[in-house]
Structures are given as C-alpha cells and as structure tokens.
Amino acid sequence: MIDETDKRLLAALQHNAHLTAQELGDILHLSPSQAGRRRQRLEAEGLIKSYAAKLDPQRLGLHVQAFVQIQLGTHGPDQAKSIARLIATRPEVISAWTLTGEADYMLRVFCADLQALNTLIHEILLPHSAVSRVQSQIVMDQFKHDAPLPI
C-alpha cells in the first residue's frame, strides 16, 4: 500500500526524475534520508519502473508520428508470437498494444517522413503472413503530450 506521501513523491518524480533526496524532502516535508528511503522502497517494490529522458522527435528528424492498427487474418498463439517478434525488432515502433474490437494491435510509430511510414506499412507489416489489414492514422498535432499517470 502507498500512502499520501508516497503519492506526492511519485507525482513529483513524474514531473522531474532528477530531484535529489534533499529536494524531495523539501517537497514532502521530510528529511532527505526519509525521502530517499521512500524512493528506494518504491523502486524496490516496482512502482517506479525506470527513469528516462524525454527526447524531441522533431529535433531527431522524426517528423511523422502515426498510429497503426493491425488486423490479423488468423488468430492463434503462433501468429501472436510471430507478430510480437516482428514489432519488437522495429525501432520506429515505440509502443504497442493488443486491443479488443476490430483491430488486434495498435502501434505508435515515429518515422523520418511519409516514405519511411509507407515502407514500414507496405514492406514490413503487410507482407507478414498473419496480417490481413493495416490501417494508419497520421498525427497532425499532439496538443497534449504524454502526461504523468494520475495518482
């Protein structure tokens, strides 16, 4: 179980993962050692999975963001494992989900340009033996960026 102090600590770290124990202590009204121990406990318990830098895709030359839906022609463990292996090898796929409804998978992808997205869809995804349909939506603007989880 996490208490209100843990929730405040997690919220603070979601906004700035570089906070020192002293800074966390100031925010939480705890000593730096107490704040540090709480952080370590939350890490050990798996509530804090990792720390990462948020990069600017545009400055990295990734000008096209898209969501790609994949519908399988046949469903079974072999097809699921095969498509999961393919998706895991593609660096332009930054996240993937299995879904209920018409599509079986949803991918979030970043590509340099439309040609790179076209290549991914037509030369990588569609030729896969388990795939029957691919549909993409190109992101025009992202007005709300990936936000912290509600705590």
Protein backbone atom coordinates (compact mmCIF):
# COMPACT_ATOMS: atom_id res chain seq x y z
CA MET A 1 0.00 0.00 0.00
CA ILE A 2 1.13 3.51 -0.70
CA ASP A 3 0.17 6.46 1.44
CA GLU A 4 -0.42 10.10 0.54
CA THR A 5 3.25 10.97 1.00
CA ASP A 6 4.22 8.19 -1.43
CA LYS A 7 1.68 9.55 -3.92
CA ARG A 8 3.14 13.06 -3.64
CA LEU A 9 6.64 11.63 -4.08
CA LEU A 10 5.59 9.70 -7.20
CA ALA A 11 3.84 12.75 -8.64
CA ALA A 12 6.94 14.89 -8.05
CA LEU A 13 9.22 12.33 -9.71
CA GLN A 14 6.92 12.05 -12.74
CA HIS A 15 7.44 15.76 -13.29
CA ASN A 16 11.18 15.72 -12.57
CA ALA A 17 13.01 12.42 -12.11
CA HIS A 18 16.23 14.28 -11.28
CA LEU A 19 15.00 15.51 -7.90
CA THR A 20 17.57 14.90 -5.20
CA ALA A 21 16.69 13.45 -1.81
CA GLN A 22 17.07 16.98 -0.40
CA GLU A 23 14.63 18.42 -2.97
CA LEU A 24 12.17 15.58 -2.43
CA GLY A 25 12.45 16.08 1.32
CA ASP A 26 11.63 19.77 0.92
CA ILE A 27 8.59 18.99 -1.23
CA LEU A 28 7.34 16.24 1.08
CA HIS A 29 8.30 17.97 4.36
CA LEU A 30 10.59 15.06 5.25
CA SER A 31 14.28 14.75 5.92
CA PRO A 32 16.40 13.94 2.87
CA SER A 33 17.14 10.47 4.29
CA GLN A 34 13.44 9.71 4.80
CA ALA A 35 12.63 10.88 1.27
CA GLY A 36 15.49 8.83 -0.14
CA ARG A 37 14.38 5.70 1.70
CA ARG A 38 10.82 6.13 0.42
CA ARG A 39 12.11 6.47 -3.15
CA GLN A 40 14.26 3.35 -2.75
CA ARG A 41 11.32 1.39 -1.35
CA LEU A 42 9.06 2.44 -4.24
CA GLU A 43 11.79 1.43 -6.70
CA ALA A 44 12.28 -1.93 -4.97
CA GLU A 45 8.53 -2.58 -4.95
CA GLY A 46 8.34 -1.88 -8.68
CA LEU A 47 6.12 1.19 -8.52
CA ILE A 48 8.98 3.16 -10.08
CA LYS A 49 9.97 1.04 -13.06
CA SER A 50 12.73 3.21 -14.54
CA TYR A 51 13.90 6.71 -15.28
CA ALA A 52 14.16 8.04 -18.83
CA ALA A 53 14.85 11.22 -20.76
CA LYS A 54 12.07 12.60 -22.96
CA LEU A 55 13.53 13.41 -26.36
CA ASP A 56 12.23 15.81 -29.01
CA PRO A 57 11.29 13.71 -32.07
CA GLN A 58 11.34 16.70 -34.43
CA ARG A 59 14.90 17.62 -33.46
CA LEU A 60 15.88 13.99 -34.03
CA GLY A 61 14.48 14.12 -37.58
CA LEU A 62 11.37 12.09 -36.79
CA HIS A 63 8.76 14.27 -38.48
CA VAL A 64 5.90 11.76 -38.81
CA GLN A 65 4.08 10.27 -35.85
CA ALA A 66 1.33 7.77 -36.60
CA PHE A 67 -0.89 5.18 -35.02
CA VAL A 68 -1.02 1.95 -36.97
CA GLN A 69 -3.73 -0.65 -36.45
CA ILE A 70 -3.12 -4.24 -37.46
CA GLN A 71 -5.80 -6.82 -38.02
CA LEU A 72 -4.74 -10.46 -38.18
CA GLY A 73 -6.19 -12.88 -40.70
CA THR A 74 -5.87 -15.83 -38.36
CA HIS A 75 -5.64 -15.84 -34.60
CA GLY A 76 -3.53 -18.22 -32.62
CA PRO A 77 -0.50 -18.34 -30.35
CA ASP A 78 1.93 -18.80 -33.24
CA GLN A 79 0.60 -15.75 -35.09
CA ALA A 80 0.62 -13.66 -31.91
CA LYS A 81 4.22 -14.63 -31.13
CA SER A 82 5.31 -14.01 -34.71
CA ILE A 83 3.80 -10.53 -34.95
CA ALA A 84 5.13 -9.65 -31.47
CA ARG A 85 8.65 -10.66 -32.56
CA LEU A 86 8.34 -8.53 -35.71
CA ILE A 87 7.11 -5.49 -33.78
CA ALA A 88 9.89 -5.88 -31.20
CA THR A 89 12.52 -5.59 -33.96
CA ARG A 90 11.22 -2.31 -35.36
CA PRO A 91 12.82 0.77 -33.73
CA GLU A 92 10.21 3.10 -35.21
CA VAL A 93 7.52 1.34 -33.16
CA ILE A 94 7.81 2.99 -29.75
CA SER A 95 4.82 1.28 -28.13
CA ALA A 96 2.34 -1.43 -28.98
CA TRP A 97 -0.89 -2.71 -27.53
CA THR A 98 -3.23 -5.63 -28.10
CA LEU A 99 -6.82 -4.49 -28.39
CA THR A 100 -10.40 -5.58 -28.28
CA GLY A 101 -12.56 -4.62 -31.23
CA GLU A 102 -11.83 -4.62 -34.94
CA ALA A 103 -8.05 -4.16 -34.75
CA ASP A 104 -5.89 -6.69 -32.95
CA TYR A 105 -2.86 -4.42 -32.41
CA MET A 106 -2.24 -0.69 -32.13
CA LEU A 107 1.25 0.64 -32.75
CA ARG A 108 2.58 4.10 -32.06
CA VAL A 109 5.33 4.87 -34.55
CA PHE A 110 7.74 7.69 -35.31
CA CYS A 111 9.26 7.89 -38.80
CA ALA A 112 11.53 10.36 -40.56
CA ASP A 113 8.99 11.02 -43.30
CA LEU A 114 5.94 9.65 -45.10
CA GLN A 115 8.11 7.41 -47.30
CA ALA A 116 9.52 5.71 -44.21
CA LEU A 117 5.99 5.17 -42.88
CA ASN A 118 4.95 3.80 -46.26
CA THR A 119 7.90 1.39 -46.22
CA LEU A 120 7.03 0.20 -42.73
CA ILE A 121 3.43 -0.48 -43.71
CA HIS A 122 3.87 -1.89 -47.21
CA GLU A 123 7.20 -3.66 -46.98
CA ILE A 124 7.31 -4.80 -43.34
CA LEU A 125 3.83 -5.13 -41.84
CA LEU A 126 1.53 -6.05 -44.73
CA PRO A 127 3.75 -8.85 -46.10
CA HIS A 128 3.70 -10.63 -42.72
CA SER A 129 1.81 -13.89 -43.13
CA ALA A 130 -0.52 -13.29 -40.16
CA VAL A 131 -1.54 -9.74 -41.18
CA SER A 132 -4.73 -9.23 -43.17
CA ARG A 133 -5.21 -5.48 -42.82
CA VAL A 134 -3.24 -2.41 -41.75
CA GLN A 135 -4.77 1.00 -41.15
CA SER A 136 -2.85 4.10 -40.19
CA GLN A 137 -3.70 7.50 -38.77
CA ILE A 138 -1.07 10.20 -39.14
CA VAL A 139 -0.83 12.60 -36.22
CA MET A 140 -1.34 16.18 -37.38
CA ASP A 141 -0.61 17.78 -33.99
CA GLN A 142 -0.16 16.49 -30.47
CA PHE A 143 -1.71 19.14 -28.25
CA LYS A 144 -1.41 17.10 -25.04
CA HIS A 145 1.85 15.28 -24.59
CA ASP A 146 2.31 12.09 -22.64
CA ALA A 147 1.19 13.12 -19.20
CA PRO A 148 2.07 11.72 -15.80
CA LEU A 149 -0.14 8.90 -14.56
CA PRO A 150 -2.95 10.02 -12.26
CA ILE A 151 -2.10 9.15 -8.69
